[in-house]
Each structure stands twice: as C-alpha cells, then as structure tokens.
C-alpha atoms as a PDB file:
ATOM      1  CA  PRO A   1      -0.175  -0.195  -0.110  1.00  0.00           C
ATOM      2  CA  VAL A   2       1.523   3.477  -0.438  1.00  0.00           C
ATOM      3  CA  THR A   3       1.821   5.112   2.451  1.00  0.00           C
ATOM      4  CA  GLU A   4       1.335   9.137   2.820  1.00  0.00           C
ATOM      5  CA  ILE A   5       4.501  11.559   2.665  1.00  0.00           C
ATOM      6  CA  GLU A   6       5.341  13.685   5.288  1.00  0.00           C
ATOM      7  CA  VAL A   7       6.585  16.760   4.186  1.00  0.00           C
ATOM      8  CA  THR A   8       8.393  17.825   6.547  1.00  0.00           C
ATOM      9  CA  ASP A   9      11.055  14.914   5.723  1.00  0.00           C
ATOM     10  CA  PHE A  10      12.121  16.241   2.529  1.00  0.00           C
ATOM     11  CA  LYS A  11      14.044  19.832   1.969  1.00  0.00           C
ATOM     12  CA  ILE A  12      11.914  22.467  -0.115  1.00  0.00           C
ATOM     13  CA  GLU A  13      13.867  24.939  -2.124  1.00  0.00           C
ATOM     14  CA  LYS A  14      13.183  27.821  -3.927  1.00  0.00           C
ATOM     15  CA  SER A  15      12.987  27.421  -7.647  1.00  0.00           C
ATOM     16  CA  VAL A  16      13.005  29.540 -11.009  1.00  0.00           C
ATOM     17  CA  ASN A  17       9.715  31.282 -10.836  1.00  0.00           C
ATOM     18  CA  ILE A  18       7.481  29.789 -13.577  1.00  0.00           C
ATOM     19  CA  GLN A  19       5.056  32.659 -13.315  1.00  0.00           C
ATOM     20  CA  PRO A  20       5.564  36.328 -12.574  1.00  0.00           C
ATOM     21  CA  GLU A  21       6.222  36.506  -8.690  1.00  0.00           C
ATOM     22  CA  LYS A  22       4.479  39.968  -8.244  1.00  0.00           C
ATOM     23  CA  THR A  23       1.839  41.576 -10.149  1.00  0.00           C
ATOM     24  CA  LEU A  24      -0.642  44.803  -9.969  1.00  0.00           C
ATOM     25  CA  PHE A  25      -4.719  44.380  -9.374  1.00  0.00           C
ATOM     26  CA  LEU A  26      -7.021  47.112 -10.138  1.00  0.00           C
ATOM     27  CA  ASN A  27     -10.290  47.113  -7.986  1.00  0.00           C
ATOM     28  CA  LEU A  28     -12.905  47.430 -10.646  1.00  0.00           C
ATOM     29  CA  SER A  29     -15.690  48.607  -8.110  1.00  0.00           C
ATOM     30  CA  GLN A  30     -14.416  52.095  -8.220  1.00  0.00           C
ATOM     31  CA  ASP A  31     -16.282  54.109 -10.980  1.00  0.00           C
ATOM     32  CA  GLU A  32     -14.734  55.390 -14.373  1.00  0.00           C
ATOM     33  CA  GLU A  33     -13.427  58.805 -13.127  1.00  0.00           C
ATOM     34  CA  GLU A  34     -11.689  57.256  -9.647  1.00  0.00           C
ATOM     35  CA  LEU A  35      -9.908  55.009 -12.220  1.00  0.00           C
ATOM     36  CA  LEU A  36      -8.694  57.568 -13.944  1.00  0.00           C
ATOM     37  CA  GLY A  37      -8.022  59.766 -11.009  1.00  0.00           C
ATOM     38  CA  ALA A  38      -5.673  57.031  -9.798  1.00  0.00           C
ATOM     39  CA  MET A  39      -3.758  56.854 -13.034  1.00  0.00           C
ATOM     40  CA  HIS A  40      -0.439  58.593 -13.609  1.00  0.00           C
ATOM     41  CA  GLN A  41      -0.747  62.119 -15.269  1.00  0.00           C
ATOM     42  CA  LYS A  42       0.921  61.121 -18.539  1.00  0.00           C
ATOM     43  CA  THR A  43      -0.909  57.677 -18.793  1.00  0.00           C
ATOM     44  CA  ARG A  44      -4.589  59.495 -18.664  1.00  0.00           C
ATOM     45  CA  TYR A  45      -2.486  61.999 -21.763  1.00  0.00           C
ATOM     46  CA  ASN A  46      -1.301  58.951 -23.853  1.00  0.00           C
ATOM     47  CA  MET A  47      -4.485  57.442 -23.745  1.00  0.00           C
ATOM     48  CA  ARG A  48      -6.371  60.558 -24.857  1.00  0.00           C
ATOM     49  CA  LEU A  49      -3.768  60.862 -27.436  1.00  0.00           C
ATOM     50  CA  ALA A  50      -4.579  57.768 -28.831  1.00  0.00           C
ATOM     51  CA  GLY A  51      -7.918  58.788 -29.292  1.00  0.00           C
ATOM     52  CA  LYS A  52      -7.520  61.491 -30.682  1.00  0.00           C
ATOM     53  CA  LYS A  53      -5.281  60.377 -33.565  1.00  0.00           C
ATOM     54  CA  GLY A  54      -7.591  58.006 -34.592  1.00  0.00           C
ATOM     55  CA  VAL A  55      -6.514  54.644 -32.799  1.00  0.00           C
ATOM     56  CA  GLU A  56      -9.788  52.686 -32.393  1.00  0.00           C
ATOM     57  CA  VAL A  57      -9.764  49.065 -30.440  1.00  0.00           C
ATOM     58  CA  ARG A  58     -12.069  46.305 -30.778  1.00  0.00           C
ATOM     59  CA  ARG A  59     -12.293  42.614 -30.656  1.00  0.00           C
ATOM     60  CA  GLY A  60     -10.522  40.643 -32.619  1.00  0.00           C
ATOM     61  CA  GLY A  61     -11.429  37.393 -34.832  1.00  0.00           C
ATOM     62  CA  GLU A  62      -9.710  34.450 -36.278  1.00  0.00           C
ATOM     63  CA  LYS A  63      -9.225  36.239 -39.226  1.00  0.00           C
ATOM     64  CA  ASP A  64      -6.840  38.661 -37.453  1.00  0.00           C
ATOM     65  CA  PHE A  65      -4.803  36.419 -35.897  1.00  0.00           C
ATOM     66  CA  GLU A  66      -1.972  36.515 -38.513  1.00  0.00           C
ATOM     67  CA  ASP A  67      -1.770  40.299 -38.018  1.00  0.00           C
ATOM     68  CA  TRP A  68      -1.557  40.077 -34.757  1.00  0.00           C
ATOM     69  CA  TRP A  69       1.068  37.739 -34.668  1.00  0.00           C
ATOM     70  CA  LYS A  70       3.650  39.652 -37.090  1.00  0.00           C
ATOM     71  CA  ILE A  71       3.618  42.320 -34.391  1.00  0.00           C
ATOM     72  CA  MET A  72       4.396  39.879 -31.581  1.00  0.00           C
ATOM     73  CA  GLU A  73       7.026  38.528 -33.447  1.00  0.00           C
ATOM     74  CA  GLU A  74       8.458  42.178 -33.694  1.00  0.00           C
ATOM     75  CA  THR A  75       7.823  42.743 -30.096  1.00  0.00           C
ATOM     76  CA  GLY A  76       9.897  39.914 -28.887  1.00  0.00           C
ATOM     77  CA  GLY A  77      12.577  40.873 -30.759  1.00  0.00           C
ATOM     78  CA  ARG A  78      12.715  44.388 -29.965  1.00  0.00           C
ATOM     79  CA  ASP A  79      11.895  44.102 -26.522  1.00  0.00           C
ATOM     80  CA  LYS A  80      14.475  41.254 -26.128  1.00  0.00           C
ATOM     81  CA  PHE A  81      12.150  38.758 -24.485  1.00  0.00           C
ATOM     82  CA  LYS A  82      11.163  34.964 -25.102  1.00  0.00           C
ATOM     83  CA  ILE A  83       7.955  34.297 -26.994  1.00  0.00           C
ATOM     84  CA  HIS A  84       6.082  31.342 -27.109  1.00  0.00           C
ATOM     85  CA  ASP A  85       5.801  29.295 -30.391  1.00  0.00           C
ATOM     86  CA  LYS A  86       3.148  30.502 -32.691  1.00  0.00           C
ATOM     87  CA  GLY A  87       0.742  27.298 -32.218  1.00  0.00           C
ATOM     88  CA  HIS A  88       0.627  28.404 -28.277  1.00  0.00           C
ATOM     89  CA  TYR A  89      -0.800  31.514 -28.901  1.00  0.00           C
ATOM     90  CA  LYS A  90      -3.391  30.081 -31.700  1.00  0.00           C
ATOM     91  CA  ASN A  91      -4.174  27.276 -28.899  1.00  0.00           C
ATOM     92  CA  MET A  92      -4.970  29.778 -26.340  1.00  0.00           C
ATOM     93  CA  MET A  93      -7.612  31.700 -28.193  1.00  0.00           C
ATOM     94  CA  ASP A  94     -11.106  30.412 -28.819  1.00  0.00           C
ATOM     95  CA  PHE A  95     -12.960  33.174 -30.993  1.00  0.00           C
ATOM     96  CA  LYS A  96     -16.662  30.800 -30.206  1.00  0.00           C
ATOM     97  CA  GLU A  97     -18.850  32.705 -28.326  1.00  0.00           C
ATOM     98  CA  LYS A  98     -18.749  32.134 -24.608  1.00  0.00           C
ATOM     99  CA  LYS A  99     -21.764  31.832 -22.365  1.00  0.00           C
ATOM    100  CA  GLU A 100     -21.697  34.513 -19.254  1.00  0.00           C
ATOM    101  CA  GLY A 101     -19.321  32.917 -16.725  1.00  0.00           C
ATOM    102  CA  ASP A 102     -17.508  30.869 -18.978  1.00  0.00           C
ATOM    103  CA  PHE A 103     -13.790  31.291 -19.132  1.00  0.00           C
ATOM    104  CA  LYS A 104     -12.931  32.634 -22.072  1.00  0.00           C
ATOM    105  CA  ILE A 105      -9.920  34.112 -23.868  1.00  0.00           C
ATOM    106  CA  ASP A 106     -10.119  37.504 -25.946  1.00  0.00           C
ATOM    107  CA  LEU A 107      -8.105  38.962 -28.479  1.00  0.00           C
ATOM    108  CA  TYR A 108      -8.427  42.986 -28.682  1.00  0.00           C
ATOM    109  CA  LEU A 109      -7.030  44.745 -31.769  1.00  0.00           C
ATOM    110  CA  ALA A 110      -5.753  48.657 -31.895  1.00  0.00           C
ATOM    111  CA  TYR A 111      -6.369  49.737 -35.383  1.00  0.00           C
ATOM    112  CA  TYR A 112      -5.066  52.852 -37.257  1.00  0.00           C
ATOM    113  CA  LYS A 113      -6.551  53.146 -40.608  1.00  0.00           C
ATOM    114  CA  ASP A 114      -7.778  50.077 -40.425  1.00  0.00           C
ATOM    115  CA  LYS A 115      -4.592  48.416 -39.910  1.00  0.00           C
ATOM    116  CA  ILE A 116      -3.739  46.719 -36.573  1.00  0.00           C
ATOM    117  CA  ILE A 117      -0.894  48.100 -34.805  1.00  0.00           C
ATOM    118  CA  ALA A 118      -1.231  46.829 -31.319  1.00  0.00           C
ATOM    119  CA  GLY A 119      -3.410  43.819 -29.810  1.00  0.00           C
ATOM    120  CA  ASN A 120      -3.841  42.096 -26.438  1.00  0.00           C
ATOM    121  CA  ILE A 121      -4.687  38.708 -25.093  1.00  0.00           C
ATOM    122  CA  VAL A 122      -6.651  39.076 -22.048  1.00  0.00           C
ATOM    123  CA  SER A 123      -8.400  36.098 -20.215  1.00  0.00           C
ATOM    124  CA  PHE A 124     -11.562  36.438 -18.071  1.00  0.00           C
ATOM    125  CA  PHE A 125     -12.067  33.878 -15.385  1.00  0.00           C
ATOM    126  CA  GLY A 126     -13.893  33.928 -12.042  1.00  0.00           C
ATOM    127  CA  ASP A 127     -14.038  37.441 -10.808  1.00  0.00           C
ATOM    128  CA  THR A 128     -10.896  38.508 -12.500  1.00  0.00           C
ATOM    129  CA  VAL A 129      -9.923  39.657 -16.113  1.00  0.00           C
ATOM    130  CA  THR A 130      -6.135  39.428 -16.559  1.00  0.00           C
ATOM    131  CA  TYR A 131      -4.123  40.978 -19.120  1.00  0.00           C
ATOM    132  CA  VAL A 132      -2.061  38.174 -20.264  1.00  0.00           C
ATOM    133  CA  HIS A 133       0.027  38.869 -23.198  1.00  0.00           C
ATOM    134  CA  GLY A 134       0.733  42.490 -25.483  1.00  0.00           C
ATOM    135  CA  ALA A 135       2.247  43.352 -28.754  1.00  0.00           C
ATOM    136  CA  SER A 136       2.736  46.627 -30.454  1.00  0.00           C
ATOM    137  CA  SER A 137       3.763  48.165 -33.621  1.00  0.00           C
ATOM    138  CA  TYR A 138       7.430  50.186 -33.396  1.00  0.00           C
ATOM    139  CA  LYS A 139       6.690  52.188 -36.584  1.00  0.00           C
ATOM    140  CA  HIS A 140       3.278  53.375 -34.692  1.00  0.00           C
ATOM    141  CA  ARG A 141       4.864  54.172 -31.509  1.00  0.00           C
ATOM    142  CA  LYS A 142       3.495  57.987 -31.290  1.00  0.00           C
ATOM    143  CA  LEU A 143       0.200  56.809 -31.441  1.00  0.00           C
ATOM    144  CA  MET A 144       0.154  55.236 -27.941  1.00  0.00           C
ATOM    145  CA  ALA A 145      -2.175  52.405 -28.980  1.00  0.00           C
ATOM    146  CA  PRO A 146      -1.031  50.112 -26.003  1.00  0.00           C
ATOM    147  CA  TYR A 147      -2.733  52.965 -23.329  1.00  0.00           C
ATOM    148  CA  LEU A 148      -6.027  53.032 -24.951  1.00  0.00           C
ATOM    149  CA  LEU A 149      -5.962  49.126 -25.529  1.00  0.00           C
ATOM    150  CA  GLN A 150      -5.464  48.841 -21.783  1.00  0.00           C
ATOM    151  CA  TRP A 151      -8.327  51.342 -20.950  1.00  0.00           C
ATOM    152  CA  TYR A 152     -10.303  49.632 -23.526  1.00  0.00           C
ATOM    153  CA  SER A 153     -10.058  46.148 -21.815  1.00  0.00           C
ATOM    154  CA  ILE A 154     -10.508  47.630 -18.088  1.00  0.00           C
ATOM    155  CA  LYS A 155     -13.662  48.971 -19.104  1.00  0.00           C
ATOM    156  CA  LYS A 156     -14.477  46.265 -20.883  1.00  0.00           C
ATOM    157  CA  ALA A 157     -14.183  44.413 -17.786  1.00  0.00           C
ATOM    158  CA  LYS A 158     -16.249  46.908 -15.319  1.00  0.00           C
ATOM    159  CA  ALA A 159     -18.820  46.797 -17.572  1.00  0.00           C
ATOM    160  CA  ASP A 160     -19.140  42.819 -17.921  1.00  0.00           C
ATOM    161  CA  GLY A 161     -19.313  42.776 -14.129  1.00  0.00           C
ATOM    162  CA  TYR A 162     -15.703  41.630 -13.113  1.00  0.00           C
ATOM    163  CA  LYS A 163     -14.209  42.614  -9.601  1.00  0.00           C
ATOM    164  CA  TYR A 164     -10.829  43.253 -10.444  1.00  0.00           C
ATOM    165  CA  TYR A 165      -8.440  43.390 -13.376  1.00  0.00           C
ATOM    166  CA  ASP A 166      -5.076  41.792 -12.965  1.00  0.00           C
ATOM    167  CA  PHE A 167      -1.837  43.039 -14.848  1.00  0.00           C
ATOM    168  CA  TYR A 168      -0.475  39.785 -14.596  1.00  0.00           C
ATOM    169  CA  GLY A 169       3.204  40.406 -13.539  1.00  0.00           C
ATOM    170  CA  ILE A 170       5.319  43.462 -12.798  1.00  0.00           C
ATOM    171  CA  ASP A 171       9.555  43.652 -11.986  1.00  0.00           C
ATOM    172  CA  GLU A 172      11.374  46.755 -12.064  1.00  0.00           C
ATOM    173  CA  GLU A 173      14.760  45.124 -12.737  1.00  0.00           C
ATOM    174  CA  LYS A 174      14.015  42.661 -15.450  1.00  0.00           C
ATOM    175  CA  TRP A 175      11.055  44.389 -17.274  1.00  0.00           C
ATOM    176  CA  PRO A 176      11.912  48.044 -16.359  1.00  0.00           C
ATOM    177  CA  GLY A 177       9.967  49.749 -19.295  1.00  0.00           C
ATOM    178  CA  ILE A 178       6.809  47.510 -18.833  1.00  0.00           C
ATOM    179  CA  THR A 179       6.118  47.674 -15.256  1.00  0.00           C
ATOM    180  CA  ARG A 180       6.284  51.524 -16.103  1.00  0.00           C
ATOM    181  CA  PHE A 181       3.586  51.301 -18.312  1.00  0.00           C
ATOM    182  CA  LYS A 182       1.350  49.004 -15.907  1.00  0.00           C
ATOM    183  CA  LYS A 183       1.955  50.891 -12.653  1.00  0.00           C
ATOM    184  CA  GLY A 184       1.216  53.990 -14.864  1.00  0.00           C
ATOM    185  CA  PHE A 185      -2.784  52.889 -14.579  1.00  0.00           C
ATOM    186  CA  GLY A 186      -2.734  52.670 -10.861  1.00  0.00           C
ATOM    187  CA  GLY A 187      -3.610  49.546  -9.078  1.00  0.00           C
ATOM    188  CA  ASN A 188      -2.484  47.602  -5.624  1.00  0.00           C
ATOM    189  CA  GLU A 189       0.925  45.667  -6.069  1.00  0.00           C
ATOM    190  CA  THR A 190       0.644  41.858  -5.090  1.00  0.00           C
ATOM    191  CA  LYS A 191       3.505  39.574  -3.887  1.00  0.00           C
ATOM    192  CA  TYR A 192       2.996  35.999  -4.596  1.00  0.00           C
ATOM    193  CA  PRO A 193       5.116  33.298  -2.485  1.00  0.00           C
ATOM    194  CA  GLY A 194       7.032  32.276  -5.850  1.00  0.00           C
ATOM    195  CA  THR A 195       8.022  28.562  -6.980  1.00  0.00           C
ATOM    196  CA  TYR A 196       9.413  26.432  -4.751  1.00  0.00           C
ATOM    197  CA  ASP A 197      10.396  22.005  -5.367  1.00  0.00           C
ATOM    198  CA  LEU A 198       9.709  19.573  -2.832  1.00  0.00           C
ATOM    199  CA  ILE A 199      13.003  17.337  -3.200  1.00  0.00           C
ATOM    200  CA  LEU A 200      12.065  13.985  -3.121  1.00  0.00           C
ATOM    201  CA  ASN A 201      15.701  12.501  -3.955  1.00  0.00           C
ATOM    202  CA  LYS A 202      18.170  14.928  -4.090  1.00  0.00           C
ATOM    203  CA  GLY A 203      20.465  12.891  -6.754  1.00  0.00           C
ATOM    204  CA  TRP A 204      17.853  12.759  -9.355  1.00  0.00           C
ATOM    205  CA  TYR A 205      17.024  16.550  -8.345  1.00  0.00           C
ATOM    206  CA  ASN A 206      20.584  17.489  -9.137  1.00  0.00           C
ATOM    207  CA  VAL A 207      20.236  16.131 -12.374  1.00  0.00           C
ATOM    208  CA  TYR A 208      16.810  17.969 -13.130  1.00  0.00           C
ATOM    209  CA  LYS A 209      18.188  20.891 -12.034  1.00  0.00           C
ATOM    210  CA  PHE A 210      21.268  20.671 -14.509  1.00  0.00           C
ATOM    211  CA  LEU A 211      19.101  19.756 -17.323  1.00  0.00           C
ATOM    212  CA  ARG A 212      16.674  22.898 -16.646  1.00  0.00           C
ATOM    213  CA  LYS A 213      19.759  25.337 -17.103  1.00  0.00           C
ATOM    214  CA  ILE A 214      20.674  23.680 -20.057  1.00  0.00           C
ATOM    215  CA  ARG A 215      17.060  24.113 -21.365  1.00  0.00           C
ATOM    216  CA  ARG A 216      16.584  27.484 -20.215  1.00  0.00           C
ATOM    217  CA  LYS A 217      19.759  28.261 -22.267  1.00  0.00           C
ATOM    218  CA  ILE A 218      18.535  26.954 -25.556  1.00  0.00           C
END
C-alpha cells in the first residue's frame, strides 16, 4: 500500500519562478472617474492622445490572428523577451462565443486607418480579468495605442461585472519599461510566495536542475 509522505522529511528549495512573482490588481468597484484619477497623469494623456490620433479598439477574430502574430514577433525581438511558438498563442484563443461566466480568452486589437498596430490577449475567469500578453508596432509607437488598449480592456471588464483587473506581472529589474507602463494605470501591488521544489531524491533533483539549466539556455 502507498503511505502518505511527510513533507517535513524532505527539503524544500526556492526554484525558478514559472509565473511572475509580483503583479498589480485594479479594483473595478471604483467608477471610471476614480480609476482615471488613480492613474499617472502621463498615462491619461497618452490614452486620450491615441483617441485623438484616430486609434480605434475592437475585439479581434480568427481572421486577425496572422496580423497580430507578426506584431508579436516584432515585439519579442525588439524588447528582447522570449515568446512562445505560434501554435501556443493560437491554441490559447477560442474565437467562439462563450456563455456568461465561462472561462474565455479574447484578442483586443488597436487599429489605425484600418491597419492593426497593437493587440492584447486578455483572459476572463472567475471575478478577474487578466492582461496576459501584449504586442505593438514600433513604427506606430507615437500613436500610444497600448494605452488605449488597456483602458478598453479595463472598461470592458468593469462593464461585464468583473471585480478585478490583473496586469499579470511586474518586475522593476527584469522588465523596467513594461513595469513602468503597467504602474501608470494605478492599482495595488501583490507579491506571491513564488515557486518552490519539494526534493524527494537529492541525486535526481541535481540531474533535473542541470537539465533545466541547459534547457533555459537553448
């Protein structure tokens, strides 16, 4: 028979975080004026500038995926962060209509003169809407489309009755620009415990750490 394992008999070691350790949450119980008032002045300015310049935001569909993917590749290369393969993002998005309350992931796109210049992947689950991935065109950076995209997502989340908007990851050292962008929208910072490994066999664990180190360098 299999007996229960006493966790105290084994070592627990801090590991590489798979998910971000810190994030920002917006409380959507506030009205729009309160949300706007809590933002950095420059953030509000950039949101309004995007609208004045003619940027429009709307929900994307399956036909828009390829155009969004090109911008995602560009963003990863420009900002020097590793992106997933194309199939990963395609599998994330289900463009079929969902019933109210179901888990879903949407693609929101910013257009300028009918051309896609930025896009966000946003998830809806439980009482929280989460900004998962974002991409934007460097050529159209002066139009400030990412700011208007975020505001659109926040207003959509509030209108649909969700309680919180999660910016999904901040790190001043690792992602200074992205973190500064997200903090401009206000919100409360939350820190999670992070990722830990429960070591059941020290020898095999050392092999696992070695292989993990190699894999992360590939």
